[in-house]
Structures are given as structure tokens and as C-alpha cells.
Amino acid sequence: MNVDSSAVQAAVNAAHRDFRPDQGGENASYIPYLASVNPALFGISVVTVDGEVFETGDSNFEFALESISKVFSMARAMDEVGLPQFHDKVGADPTGEPFNSVIAVALHGDKPLSPLVNAGAMSTVSLIPAGSAEERWQKILATQSAFAGREIKMSDAVNNSEQSTNFHNRAIAWLLYSGGTMYSDPMEACDVYTRQCSTLVTAVDLATMGATIAARGTNPVTKKAAISHPDIVPPMLAEMTMEGLYTASGDWAYRVGLPGKSGVGGGVLAVMPGVLAIAAFSPPLDAAGNSVRARKAVAQIASALNLNLYNASDYASA
């Protein structure tokens, strides 16, 4: 599909203009670092599979990747252990519960259902082959960097803030261990998972990471492959569709029609396979944990550009 560059930039600019005044939502308060981020920040970026970059607002402000990191550890695990084993050991079903739910784990025999909730994300981390926690962490960090096209780094400030408050996740990790779905030391997996959430990206980075997914695993800016097996991309997109925006995932698929992922750091990502990715960042969140401004901006841009995965006929002759 050919992308009209002027139309993309116009859509990006319009979304920023329309939603910058929005005062809805609140910063995540349970992680002290996130509570302290300026709630007025708002950046948007679009990156195409041809490597064109569009941006506006605070698109180069570095924010915590948080739950969006789950997509890229999922990619690493799928790439290394293979799709059948990943599906068998982690799962591919929405939980119907909040992203940090203990109930969802307890109701399903101490097993995760999705790699995009906290339980499944920690199980995913533990599944990545490694001889130590540090080796596993370096693999995840390298994967994030390959998708972004630059060296991604962890923020000590974010990590320290999260490690000192992640007791809930530690409990989930032990539940997984009791159910046989934690494939390394549970506290090591929880530690590495917390680190992967504590890396810093910009809206441009996030859009590039999404465009790499849209381009079946090849970074459109660096032209380098971020994964070894492009066949993992369709299942990645399926997982993002089912659980990418927490308990609002079904509504997002219904209204927007693009695989997506959000994080409590304020980022929202949406991917149109073969075309482009849209990313936005703004700290205040709605009740489901999705950025109010970023969610609205990404949805409006997708609509303005007529991007919807379920309108396949629109692209048949493109």
C-alpha cells in the first residue's frame, strides 16, 4: 500500500492539536517514578515500512516502556523456542481480568493465559534460553534495541522505583512456579521482567519498533533483521489484538481494528501489517491503564488514514 506522506503528517498534526487540551486521566500512582512524570507531555510518531518517519510534540522525550516491553520479550521467546512450544507453555487467550490479576492465575491452575499480562510476561521471560539471569536480560535488551534501531538503555531510577514496589508480581511469579509454568528461578524472572519494563524509549523509537513488526521483523530504518523467523509476526499480532490494551482490548479491536499495545508509562502502539506503525505517548491513564491522549490520538490517525486490519478489501488492490 502506498502511503501519502502529506496525509500522514497532517493526521499526526491534527491528532496532536485535537487531544493536547485533553485533561482526562491520571499518571500511574503505584510506581513512584511514573507518578512524577509531567502529565502535560504528549508526543506522536508514525514510521512506515519504507523507513519514513513522521513526528510531532514531545516525540523525543524518553519514557518508560513498561508493559509494551512484553511484545519484544515475546518476540525473543517465540524466535528462540519456536511457536508450538511457546503456545503450549505460555498460551494465547485473553484473561478477561486486569493485567496484574492474581485471580486470573488462580482460576486457571496457576498457569498464564497470555504473554501480554504480567503473569504470562514473567513466564515468557523465564522461557528464553539462558545460562543466567544476566544473559537472559541482555538478550531482551538486545531485542528491544534491534527493534528500535538504536541502543536502548534501562533507567536505574525507573528500575529502582519498580523493584521496591513489585511485591504483587513476586507473588504471581511464585504461583506460576507452583503451577509448573515458571521455567527459571521465579525471583530471577520477576527481576528481569521488572528490568525490561524499566527501559526508556521515545515515541519515535516506539513507532520504529512497531514498524519493524509491520515489516515482518526487519527494521525499516536500519534495514537489519530484529528476529530470525519472520513467521512469528502473525502470532505476535494476534496476541496484541487479544490482550494488547488490557481489559479494553476488545473495544480497541472493535473501534480501531489494529493490533496494539499500551503501557502504564503512557505509551500506545498500533501496527498496520505491511504499512506502518503509529505510536503516541502521554502519561495520564484511564481506568484500564491506557493513556487517554495517546489512545485517542492513535485511533484518530488510524481512522484518518483508513487503516483497519478488518477492512482487508481496502488493500486488495493497493
C-alpha atoms as a PDB file:
ATOM      1  CA  MET A   1       0.000   0.000   0.000  1.00  0.00           C
ATOM      2  CA  ASN A   2       1.365   3.403  -0.955  1.00  0.00           C
ATOM      3  CA  VAL A   3       1.492   5.943   1.860  1.00  0.00           C
ATOM      4  CA  ASP A   4       0.658   9.587   1.188  1.00  0.00           C
ATOM      5  CA  SER A   5       3.339  11.374   3.215  1.00  0.00           C
ATOM      6  CA  SER A   6       1.466  14.665   3.389  1.00  0.00           C
ATOM      7  CA  ALA A   7      -1.676  12.897   4.599  1.00  0.00           C
ATOM      8  CA  VAL A   8       0.264  11.073   7.328  1.00  0.00           C
ATOM      9  CA  GLN A   9       1.884  14.250   8.643  1.00  0.00           C
ATOM     10  CA  ALA A  10      -1.440  16.073   8.503  1.00  0.00           C
ATOM     11  CA  ALA A  11      -3.103  13.297  10.508  1.00  0.00           C
ATOM     12  CA  VAL A  12      -0.298  13.333  13.073  1.00  0.00           C
ATOM     13  CA  ASN A  13      -0.512  17.112  13.445  1.00  0.00           C
ATOM     14  CA  ALA A  14      -4.296  17.078  13.724  1.00  0.00           C
ATOM     15  CA  ALA A  15      -4.293  14.417  16.444  1.00  0.00           C
ATOM     16  CA  HIS A  16      -1.773  16.367  18.490  1.00  0.00           C
ATOM     17  CA  ARG A  17      -3.764  19.577  18.085  1.00  0.00           C
ATOM     18  CA  ASP A  18      -7.099  17.921  18.901  1.00  0.00           C
ATOM     19  CA  PHE A  19      -6.078  15.994  22.004  1.00  0.00           C
ATOM     20  CA  ARG A  20      -3.361  18.134  23.578  1.00  0.00           C
ATOM     21  CA  PRO A  21      -6.005  20.049  25.604  1.00  0.00           C
ATOM     22  CA  ASP A  22      -7.497  16.805  26.985  1.00  0.00           C
ATOM     23  CA  GLN A  23      -7.150  16.796  30.785  1.00  0.00           C
ATOM     24  CA  GLY A  24      -8.553  13.311  31.366  1.00  0.00           C
ATOM     25  CA  GLY A  25      -6.836  10.541  33.296  1.00  0.00           C
ATOM     26  CA  GLU A  26      -4.112  10.385  35.916  1.00  0.00           C
ATOM     27  CA  ASN A  27      -0.499   9.217  35.978  1.00  0.00           C
ATOM     28  CA  ALA A  28       0.104   5.721  37.339  1.00  0.00           C
ATOM     29  CA  SER A  29       0.493   6.295  41.085  1.00  0.00           C
ATOM     30  CA  TYR A  30       1.618   2.866  42.285  1.00  0.00           C
ATOM     31  CA  ILE A  31       5.077   3.330  40.747  1.00  0.00           C
ATOM     32  CA  PRO A  32       6.610   6.487  42.260  1.00  0.00           C
ATOM     33  CA  TYR A  33       8.693   7.357  39.191  1.00  0.00           C
ATOM     34  CA  LEU A  34       5.674   7.301  36.876  1.00  0.00           C
ATOM     35  CA  ALA A  35       3.667   9.455  39.251  1.00  0.00           C
ATOM     36  CA  SER A  36       6.344  12.155  38.968  1.00  0.00           C
ATOM     37  CA  VAL A  37       6.371  12.468  35.139  1.00  0.00           C
ATOM     38  CA  ASN A  38       4.957  15.718  33.740  1.00  0.00           C
ATOM     39  CA  PRO A  39       1.338  14.924  32.768  1.00  0.00           C
ATOM     40  CA  ALA A  40       1.334  17.598  30.045  1.00  0.00           C
ATOM     41  CA  LEU A  41       3.840  15.704  27.889  1.00  0.00           C
ATOM     42  CA  PHE A  42       2.383  14.485  24.597  1.00  0.00           C
ATOM     43  CA  GLY A  43       4.263  13.131  21.596  1.00  0.00           C
ATOM     44  CA  ILE A  44       3.233  11.266  18.444  1.00  0.00           C
ATOM     45  CA  SER A  45       5.158   9.442  15.724  1.00  0.00           C
ATOM     46  CA  VAL A  46       4.417   7.308  12.668  1.00  0.00           C
ATOM     47  CA  VAL A  47       7.043   5.162  10.947  1.00  0.00           C
ATOM     48  CA  THR A  48       6.356   3.352   7.680  1.00  0.00           C
ATOM     49  CA  VAL A  49       7.766   0.048   6.436  1.00  0.00           C
ATOM     50  CA  ASP A  50       9.802   2.120   3.963  1.00  0.00           C
ATOM     51  CA  GLY A  51      11.507   3.955   6.819  1.00  0.00           C
ATOM     52  CA  GLU A  52       9.703   7.310   6.583  1.00  0.00           C
ATOM     53  CA  VAL A  53       9.424   8.974   9.993  1.00  0.00           C
ATOM     54  CA  PHE A  54       6.705  11.457  10.983  1.00  0.00           C
ATOM     55  CA  GLU A  55       6.505  13.120  14.381  1.00  0.00           C
ATOM     56  CA  THR A  56       5.188  16.000  16.430  1.00  0.00           C
ATOM     57  CA  GLY A  57       5.079  17.255  20.005  1.00  0.00           C
ATOM     58  CA  ASP A  58       7.228  15.598  22.667  1.00  0.00           C
ATOM     59  CA  SER A  59       8.147  12.760  20.311  1.00  0.00           C
ATOM     60  CA  ASN A  60      11.760  12.599  21.523  1.00  0.00           C
ATOM     61  CA  PHE A  61      11.039  12.551  25.251  1.00  0.00           C
ATOM     62  CA  GLU A  62      12.228   9.270  26.782  1.00  0.00           C
ATOM     63  CA  PHE A  63       9.550   7.454  28.796  1.00  0.00           C
ATOM     64  CA  ALA A  64       9.336   4.062  30.487  1.00  0.00           C
ATOM     65  CA  LEU A  65       8.441   1.266  28.061  1.00  0.00           C
ATOM     66  CA  GLU A  66       6.633  -0.681  30.783  1.00  0.00           C
ATOM     67  CA  SER A  67       4.143  -3.305  29.516  1.00  0.00           C
ATOM     68  CA  ILE A  68       4.893  -2.634  25.862  1.00  0.00           C
ATOM     69  CA  SER A  69       8.162  -4.457  26.586  1.00  0.00           C
ATOM     70  CA  LYS A  70       6.123  -7.662  26.757  1.00  0.00           C
ATOM     71  CA  VAL A  71       5.770  -7.636  22.972  1.00  0.00           C
ATOM     72  CA  PHE A  72       9.527  -7.780  22.450  1.00  0.00           C
ATOM     73  CA  SER A  73      10.353 -10.400  25.072  1.00  0.00           C
ATOM     74  CA  MET A  74       7.532 -12.411  23.483  1.00  0.00           C
ATOM     75  CA  ALA A  75       9.258 -11.994  20.131  1.00  0.00           C
ATOM     76  CA  ARG A  76      12.560 -13.190  21.580  1.00  0.00           C
ATOM     77  CA  ALA A  77      10.979 -16.238  23.215  1.00  0.00           C
ATOM     78  CA  MET A  78       8.969 -17.183  20.118  1.00  0.00           C
ATOM     79  CA  ASP A  79      12.061 -16.757  17.957  1.00  0.00           C
ATOM     80  CA  GLU A  80      14.226 -18.975  20.150  1.00  0.00           C
ATOM     81  CA  VAL A  81      11.915 -21.749  21.358  1.00  0.00           C
ATOM     82  CA  GLY A  82       9.531 -21.868  18.390  1.00  0.00           C
ATOM     83  CA  LEU A  83       5.821 -21.146  18.086  1.00  0.00           C
ATOM     84  CA  PRO A  84       4.434 -24.564  19.135  1.00  0.00           C
ATOM     85  CA  GLN A  85       6.409 -24.657  22.370  1.00  0.00           C
ATOM     86  CA  PHE A  86       5.652 -21.018  23.152  1.00  0.00           C
ATOM     87  CA  HIS A  87       1.935 -21.561  22.607  1.00  0.00           C
ATOM     88  CA  ASP A  88       1.941 -24.674  24.761  1.00  0.00           C
ATOM     89  CA  LYS A  89       3.910 -23.192  27.653  1.00  0.00           C
ATOM     90  CA  VAL A  90       2.575 -19.612  27.790  1.00  0.00           C
ATOM     91  CA  GLY A  91      -0.757 -19.505  25.946  1.00  0.00           C
ATOM     92  CA  ALA A  92      -2.768 -17.264  23.666  1.00  0.00           C
ATOM     93  CA  ASP A  93      -6.056 -16.404  25.350  1.00  0.00           C
ATOM     94  CA  PRO A  94      -7.351 -13.193  26.949  1.00  0.00           C
ATOM     95  CA  THR A  95      -7.740 -13.445  30.713  1.00  0.00           C
ATOM     96  CA  GLY A  96     -10.727 -11.108  30.986  1.00  0.00           C
ATOM     97  CA  GLU A  97      -9.084  -9.685  34.103  1.00  0.00           C
ATOM     98  CA  PRO A  98      -6.744  -6.736  34.808  1.00  0.00           C
ATOM     99  CA  PHE A  99      -3.140  -7.097  33.616  1.00  0.00           C
ATOM    100  CA  ASN A 100      -1.823  -7.788  37.135  1.00  0.00           C
ATOM    101  CA  SER A 101      -4.607 -10.132  38.227  1.00  0.00           C
ATOM    102  CA  VAL A 102      -3.817 -12.890  40.714  1.00  0.00           C
ATOM    103  CA  ILE A 103      -7.342 -14.242  40.302  1.00  0.00           C
ATOM    104  CA  ALA A 104      -6.752 -14.951  36.601  1.00  0.00           C
ATOM    105  CA  VAL A 105      -3.764 -17.111  37.551  1.00  0.00           C
ATOM    106  CA  ALA A 106      -5.504 -18.902  40.419  1.00  0.00           C
ATOM    107  CA  LEU A 107      -8.606 -19.696  38.348  1.00  0.00           C
ATOM    108  CA  HIS A 108      -6.541 -21.417  35.659  1.00  0.00           C
ATOM    109  CA  GLY A 109      -4.416 -23.811  37.685  1.00  0.00           C
ATOM    110  CA  ASP A 110      -1.607 -21.298  38.369  1.00  0.00           C
ATOM    111  CA  LYS A 111      -0.973 -21.026  34.636  1.00  0.00           C
ATOM    112  CA  PRO A 112      -0.704 -17.930  32.434  1.00  0.00           C
ATOM    113  CA  LEU A 113      -3.061 -17.469  29.520  1.00  0.00           C
ATOM    114  CA  SER A 114      -1.432 -14.603  27.627  1.00  0.00           C
ATOM    115  CA  PRO A 115       2.147 -13.307  27.315  1.00  0.00           C
ATOM    116  CA  LEU A 116       0.808  -9.750  27.434  1.00  0.00           C
ATOM    117  CA  VAL A 117      -0.361  -9.808  31.043  1.00  0.00           C
ATOM    118  CA  ASN A 118       2.110  -9.781  33.931  1.00  0.00           C
ATOM    119  CA  ALA A 119       1.848 -13.490  34.686  1.00  0.00           C
ATOM    120  CA  GLY A 120       2.393 -14.528  31.083  1.00  0.00           C
ATOM    121  CA  ALA A 121       5.130 -11.959  30.619  1.00  0.00           C
ATOM    122  CA  MET A 122       7.144 -13.363  33.516  1.00  0.00           C
ATOM    123  CA  SER A 123       6.582 -16.887  32.227  1.00  0.00           C
ATOM    124  CA  THR A 124       7.777 -15.673  28.815  1.00  0.00           C
ATOM    125  CA  VAL A 125      10.942 -14.188  30.307  1.00  0.00           C
ATOM    126  CA  SER A 126      11.690 -17.450  32.110  1.00  0.00           C
ATOM    127  CA  LEU A 127      11.245 -19.404  28.858  1.00  0.00           C
ATOM    128  CA  ILE A 128      14.012 -17.543  26.987  1.00  0.00           C
ATOM    129  CA  PRO A 129      17.025 -19.910  26.926  1.00  0.00           C
ATOM    130  CA  ALA A 130      19.885 -18.580  29.050  1.00  0.00           C
ATOM    131  CA  GLY A 131      22.505 -19.767  31.483  1.00  0.00           C
ATOM    132  CA  SER A 132      21.877 -16.920  33.911  1.00  0.00           C
ATOM    133  CA  ALA A 133      19.515 -14.078  34.668  1.00  0.00           C
ATOM    134  CA  GLU A 134      22.046 -11.602  33.277  1.00  0.00           C
ATOM    135  CA  GLU A 135      22.307 -13.465  29.967  1.00  0.00           C
ATOM    136  CA  ARG A 136      18.519 -13.533  29.704  1.00  0.00           C
ATOM    137  CA  TRP A 137      18.349  -9.798  30.428  1.00  0.00           C
ATOM    138  CA  GLN A 138      20.988  -8.978  27.820  1.00  0.00           C
ATOM    139  CA  LYS A 139      19.047 -10.959  25.207  1.00  0.00           C
ATOM    140  CA  ILE A 140      15.883  -8.990  25.939  1.00  0.00           C
ATOM    141  CA  LEU A 141      17.731  -5.669  25.901  1.00  0.00           C
ATOM    142  CA  ALA A 142      19.376  -6.557  22.585  1.00  0.00           C
ATOM    143  CA  THR A 143      15.981  -7.406  21.125  1.00  0.00           C
ATOM    144  CA  GLN A 144      14.466  -4.088  22.208  1.00  0.00           C
ATOM    145  CA  SER A 145      17.460  -2.297  20.669  1.00  0.00           C
ATOM    146  CA  ALA A 146      17.204  -4.214  17.386  1.00  0.00           C
ATOM    147  CA  PHE A 147      13.521  -3.337  17.028  1.00  0.00           C
ATOM    148  CA  ALA A 148      14.173   0.328  17.894  1.00  0.00           C
ATOM    149  CA  GLY A 149      17.239   0.636  15.685  1.00  0.00           C
ATOM    150  CA  ARG A 150      19.372   2.148  18.421  1.00  0.00           C
ATOM    151  CA  GLU A 151      20.829   1.139  21.783  1.00  0.00           C
ATOM    152  CA  ILE A 152      18.053   1.074  24.358  1.00  0.00           C
ATOM    153  CA  LYS A 153      19.070   1.502  27.985  1.00  0.00           C
ATOM    154  CA  MET A 154      17.477   0.777  31.322  1.00  0.00           C
ATOM    155  CA  SER A 155      16.726   3.653  33.667  1.00  0.00           C
ATOM    156  CA  ASP A 156      18.089   2.972  37.132  1.00  0.00           C
ATOM    157  CA  ALA A 157      15.561   5.436  38.532  1.00  0.00           C
ATOM    158  CA  VAL A 158      12.613   3.576  36.983  1.00  0.00           C
ATOM    159  CA  ASN A 159      14.016   0.161  37.866  1.00  0.00           C
ATOM    160  CA  ASN A 160      14.704   1.077  41.487  1.00  0.00           C
ATOM    161  CA  SER A 161      11.204   2.525  41.787  1.00  0.00           C
ATOM    162  CA  GLU A 162       9.666  -0.637  40.372  1.00  0.00           C
ATOM    163  CA  GLN A 163      11.851  -3.195  42.180  1.00  0.00           C
ATOM    164  CA  SER A 164      10.913  -1.613  45.501  1.00  0.00           C
ATOM    165  CA  THR A 165       7.178  -1.933  44.809  1.00  0.00           C
ATOM    166  CA  ASN A 166       6.823  -5.183  42.785  1.00  0.00           C
ATOM    167  CA  PHE A 167       5.589  -7.422  45.622  1.00  0.00           C
ATOM    168  CA  HIS A 168       2.405  -8.257  43.708  1.00  0.00           C
ATOM    169  CA  ASN A 169       4.399  -9.566  40.750  1.00  0.00           C
ATOM    170  CA  ARG A 170       6.623 -11.601  43.051  1.00  0.00           C
ATOM    171  CA  ALA A 171       3.517 -13.339  44.394  1.00  0.00           C
ATOM    172  CA  ILE A 172       2.343 -14.087  40.840  1.00  0.00           C
ATOM    173  CA  ALA A 173       5.779 -15.499  39.991  1.00  0.00           C
ATOM    174  CA  TRP A 174       5.565 -17.973  42.874  1.00  0.00           C
ATOM    175  CA  LEU A 175       2.048 -19.001  41.805  1.00  0.00           C
ATOM    176  CA  LEU A 176       3.378 -19.733  38.333  1.00  0.00           C
ATOM    177  CA  TYR A 177       6.210 -21.748  39.823  1.00  0.00           C
ATOM    178  CA  SER A 178       3.715 -23.826  41.802  1.00  0.00           C
ATOM    179  CA  GLY A 179       1.795 -24.476  38.587  1.00  0.00           C
ATOM    180  CA  GLY A 180       4.865 -25.567  36.636  1.00  0.00           C
ATOM    181  CA  THR A 181       4.779 -22.623  34.225  1.00  0.00           C
ATOM    182  CA  MET A 182       7.822 -20.762  35.501  1.00  0.00           C
ATOM    183  CA  TYR A 183      10.866 -22.040  33.607  1.00  0.00           C
ATOM    184  CA  SER A 184      13.634 -20.404  35.627  1.00  0.00           C
ATOM    185  CA  ASP A 185      14.033 -19.239  39.209  1.00  0.00           C
ATOM    186  CA  PRO A 186      10.830 -17.239  39.811  1.00  0.00           C
ATOM    187  CA  MET A 187      12.502 -14.306  41.549  1.00  0.00           C
ATOM    188  CA  GLU A 188      15.108 -14.060  38.803  1.00  0.00           C
ATOM    189  CA  ALA A 189      12.335 -13.983  36.197  1.00  0.00           C
ATOM    190  CA  CYS A 190      10.481 -11.306  38.149  1.00  0.00           C
ATOM    191  CA  ASP A 191      13.679  -9.258  38.431  1.00  0.00           C
ATOM    192  CA  VAL A 192      14.425  -9.474  34.690  1.00  0.00           C
ATOM    193  CA  TYR A 193      10.808  -8.704  33.829  1.00  0.00           C
ATOM    194  CA  THR A 194      10.968  -5.606  36.013  1.00  0.00           C
ATOM    195  CA  ARG A 195      14.166  -4.514  34.270  1.00  0.00           C
ATOM    196  CA  GLN A 196      12.648  -4.927  30.804  1.00  0.00           C
ATOM    197  CA  CYS A 197       9.780  -2.637  31.839  1.00  0.00           C
ATOM    198  CA  SER A 198      12.288  -0.023  33.048  1.00  0.00           C
ATOM    199  CA  THR A 199      13.915   0.795  29.724  1.00  0.00           C
ATOM    200  CA  LEU A 200      13.422   4.213  28.150  1.00  0.00           C
ATOM    201  CA  VAL A 201      12.107   4.880  24.642  1.00  0.00           C
ATOM    202  CA  THR A 202      10.728   7.825  22.686  1.00  0.00           C
ATOM    203  CA  ALA A 203       7.575   7.909  20.591  1.00  0.00           C
ATOM    204  CA  VAL A 204       9.829   7.722  17.516  1.00  0.00           C
ATOM    205  CA  ASP A 205      11.544   4.642  18.970  1.00  0.00           C
ATOM    206  CA  LEU A 206       8.197   3.043  19.693  1.00  0.00           C
ATOM    207  CA  ALA A 207       6.852   3.724  16.205  1.00  0.00           C
ATOM    208  CA  THR A 208      10.056   2.256  14.751  1.00  0.00           C
ATOM    209  CA  MET A 209       9.649  -0.842  16.910  1.00  0.00           C
ATOM    210  CA  GLY A 210       6.103  -1.195  15.618  1.00  0.00           C
ATOM    211  CA  ALA A 211       7.154  -0.600  12.026  1.00  0.00           C
ATOM    212  CA  THR A 212       9.682  -3.408  12.426  1.00  0.00           C
ATOM    213  CA  ILE A 213       6.783  -5.691  13.306  1.00  0.00           C
ATOM    214  CA  ALA A 214       4.813  -4.305  10.348  1.00  0.00           C
ATOM    215  CA  ALA A 215       7.804  -5.127   8.103  1.00  0.00           C
ATOM    216  CA  ARG A 216       7.864  -8.765   9.318  1.00  0.00           C
ATOM    217  CA  GLY A 217      10.801  -8.286  11.632  1.00  0.00           C
ATOM    218  CA  THR A 218      13.167  -6.161   9.544  1.00  0.00           C
ATOM    219  CA  ASN A 219      13.845  -2.706  10.941  1.00  0.00           C
ATOM    220  CA  PRO A 220      12.823  -0.277   8.167  1.00  0.00           C
ATOM    221  CA  VAL A 221      15.322   2.364   9.282  1.00  0.00           C
ATOM    222  CA  THR A 222      18.450   0.231   9.840  1.00  0.00           C
ATOM    223  CA  LYS A 223      17.399  -2.453   7.294  1.00  0.00           C
ATOM    224  CA  LYS A 224      18.587  -5.091   9.765  1.00  0.00           C
ATOM    225  CA  ALA A 225      16.572  -8.121  10.872  1.00  0.00           C
ATOM    226  CA  ALA A 226      15.435  -7.961  14.512  1.00  0.00           C
ATOM    227  CA  ILE A 227      14.276 -11.595  14.519  1.00  0.00           C
ATOM    228  CA  SER A 228      15.408 -14.797  12.829  1.00  0.00           C
ATOM    229  CA  HIS A 229      11.972 -16.183  11.955  1.00  0.00           C
ATOM    230  CA  PRO A 230       9.501 -13.811  10.248  1.00  0.00           C
ATOM    231  CA  ASP A 231       6.749 -16.395  10.701  1.00  0.00           C
ATOM    232  CA  ILE A 232       6.429 -15.359  14.362  1.00  0.00           C
ATOM    233  CA  VAL A 233       4.977 -11.968  13.337  1.00  0.00           C
ATOM    234  CA  PRO A 234       1.356 -13.079  12.669  1.00  0.00           C
ATOM    235  CA  PRO A 235       1.075 -14.773  16.103  1.00  0.00           C
ATOM    236  CA  MET A 236       2.642 -11.667  17.695  1.00  0.00           C
ATOM    237  CA  LEU A 237      -0.041  -9.522  16.069  1.00  0.00           C
ATOM    238  CA  ALA A 238      -2.744 -11.955  17.188  1.00  0.00           C
ATOM    239  CA  GLU A 239      -1.546 -11.728  20.789  1.00  0.00           C
ATOM    240  CA  MET A 240      -1.528  -7.922  20.561  1.00  0.00           C
ATOM    241  CA  THR A 241      -5.086  -7.953  19.234  1.00  0.00           C
ATOM    242  CA  MET A 242      -6.379 -10.149  22.057  1.00  0.00           C
ATOM    243  CA  GLU A 243      -4.674  -8.583  25.074  1.00  0.00           C
ATOM    244  CA  GLY A 244      -2.707  -5.544  23.933  1.00  0.00           C
ATOM    245  CA  LEU A 245      -4.762  -2.831  25.623  1.00  0.00           C
ATOM    246  CA  TYR A 246      -5.563  -4.692  28.822  1.00  0.00           C
ATOM    247  CA  THR A 247      -9.308  -5.044  29.515  1.00  0.00           C
ATOM    248  CA  ALA A 248     -10.062  -2.534  26.729  1.00  0.00           C
ATOM    249  CA  SER A 249      -8.537  -4.787  24.048  1.00  0.00           C
ATOM    250  CA  GLY A 250     -11.862  -5.948  22.634  1.00  0.00           C
ATOM    251  CA  ASP A 251     -13.198  -2.425  22.435  1.00  0.00           C
ATOM    252  CA  TRP A 252      -9.967  -1.305  20.710  1.00  0.00           C
ATOM    253  CA  ALA A 253     -10.249  -4.075  18.110  1.00  0.00           C
ATOM    254  CA  TYR A 254     -13.903  -3.182  17.534  1.00  0.00           C
ATOM    255  CA  ARG A 255     -13.380   0.564  17.212  1.00  0.00           C
ATOM    256  CA  VAL A 256      -9.863   0.810  15.738  1.00  0.00           C
ATOM    257  CA  GLY A 257      -9.165  -2.563  14.160  1.00  0.00           C
ATOM    258  CA  LEU A 258      -5.378  -2.606  14.604  1.00  0.00           C
ATOM    259  CA  PRO A 259      -3.189  -4.823  16.787  1.00  0.00           C
ATOM    260  CA  GLY A 260      -1.863  -2.657  19.593  1.00  0.00           C
ATOM    261  CA  LYS A 261      -0.059  -2.490  22.891  1.00  0.00           C
ATOM    262  CA  SER A 262      -0.110   0.031  25.678  1.00  0.00           C
ATOM    263  CA  GLY A 263       1.952   0.567  28.801  1.00  0.00           C
ATOM    264  CA  VAL A 264       1.362   2.363  32.087  1.00  0.00           C
ATOM    265  CA  GLY A 265       4.297   4.622  31.226  1.00  0.00           C
ATOM    266  CA  GLY A 266       1.901   6.365  28.834  1.00  0.00           C
ATOM    267  CA  GLY A 267       2.819   4.773  25.520  1.00  0.00           C
ATOM    268  CA  VAL A 268       0.373   3.337  22.978  1.00  0.00           C
ATOM    269  CA  LEU A 269       1.423   1.469  19.837  1.00  0.00           C
ATOM    270  CA  ALA A 270      -0.660   0.262  16.884  1.00  0.00           C
ATOM    271  CA  VAL A 271       0.526  -1.731  13.878  1.00  0.00           C
ATOM    272  CA  MET A 272      -0.884  -1.978  10.367  1.00  0.00           C
ATOM    273  CA  PRO A 273       0.950  -5.003   8.901  1.00  0.00           C
ATOM    274  CA  GLY A 274       2.869  -4.237   5.739  1.00  0.00           C
ATOM    275  CA  VAL A 275       2.192  -0.494   6.009  1.00  0.00           C
ATOM    276  CA  LEU A 276       3.234   1.397   9.143  1.00  0.00           C
ATOM    277  CA  ALA A 277       3.041   1.776  12.911  1.00  0.00           C
ATOM    278  CA  ILE A 278       1.564   4.597  14.971  1.00  0.00           C
ATOM    279  CA  ALA A 279       2.894   5.469  18.434  1.00  0.00           C
ATOM    280  CA  ALA A 280       1.916   8.121  20.930  1.00  0.00           C
ATOM    281  CA  PHE A 281       2.922   8.981  24.473  1.00  0.00           C
ATOM    282  CA  SER A 282       1.221  10.880  27.278  1.00  0.00           C
ATOM    283  CA  PRO A 283       1.353   9.907  30.977  1.00  0.00           C
ATOM    284  CA  PRO A 284      -2.260  10.272  32.239  1.00  0.00           C
ATOM    285  CA  LEU A 285      -4.083   6.930  32.100  1.00  0.00           C
ATOM    286  CA  ASP A 286      -7.704   5.825  32.010  1.00  0.00           C
ATOM    287  CA  ALA A 287      -9.186   3.245  34.376  1.00  0.00           C
ATOM    288  CA  ALA A 288      -7.924   0.343  32.232  1.00  0.00           C
ATOM    289  CA  GLY A 289      -4.325   1.618  32.308  1.00  0.00           C
ATOM    290  CA  ASN A 290      -4.210   3.119  28.803  1.00  0.00           C
ATOM    291  CA  SER A 291      -3.007   6.653  28.065  1.00  0.00           C
ATOM    292  CA  VAL A 292      -6.012   8.896  27.489  1.00  0.00           C
ATOM    293  CA  ARG A 293      -4.404  11.239  24.953  1.00  0.00           C
ATOM    294  CA  ALA A 294      -2.269   8.594  23.243  1.00  0.00           C
ATOM    295  CA  ARG A 295      -5.168   6.161  22.820  1.00  0.00           C
ATOM    296  CA  LYS A 296      -7.364   8.844  21.251  1.00  0.00           C
ATOM    297  CA  ALA A 297      -4.566  10.149  19.038  1.00  0.00           C
ATOM    298  CA  VAL A 298      -3.605   6.740  17.667  1.00  0.00           C
ATOM    299  CA  ALA A 299      -7.245   5.864  16.998  1.00  0.00           C
ATOM    300  CA  GLN A 300      -7.859   9.140  15.159  1.00  0.00           C
ATOM    301  CA  ILE A 301      -4.743   8.766  12.998  1.00  0.00           C
ATOM    302  CA  ALA A 302      -5.693   5.204  12.065  1.00  0.00           C
ATOM    303  CA  SER A 303      -9.172   6.370  11.079  1.00  0.00           C
ATOM    304  CA  ALA A 304      -7.879   9.364   9.127  1.00  0.00           C
ATOM    305  CA  LEU A 305      -5.572   7.102   7.113  1.00  0.00           C
ATOM    306  CA  ASN A 306      -8.271   4.440   6.669  1.00  0.00           C
ATOM    307  CA  LEU A 307      -6.166   1.792   8.389  1.00  0.00           C
ATOM    308  CA  ASN A 308      -8.121  -1.163   9.757  1.00  0.00           C
ATOM    309  CA  LEU A 309      -6.981  -4.772   9.682  1.00  0.00           C
ATOM    310  CA  TYR A 310     -10.552  -5.957   9.156  1.00  0.00           C
ATOM    311  CA  ASN A 311     -11.097  -3.868   6.029  1.00  0.00           C
ATOM    312  CA  ALA A 312      -8.899  -6.205   4.028  1.00  0.00           C
ATOM    313  CA  SER A 313     -10.725  -5.409   0.798  1.00  0.00           C
ATOM    314  CA  ASP A 314      -9.383  -1.853   1.017  1.00  0.00           C
ATOM    315  CA  TYR A 315      -5.852  -3.189   0.490  1.00  0.00           C
ATOM    316  CA  ALA A 316      -6.522  -5.944  -2.029  1.00  0.00           C
ATOM    317  CA  SER A 317      -5.751  -3.700  -4.985  1.00  0.00           C
ATOM    318  CA  ALA A 318      -3.384  -1.273  -3.232  1.00  0.00           C
END
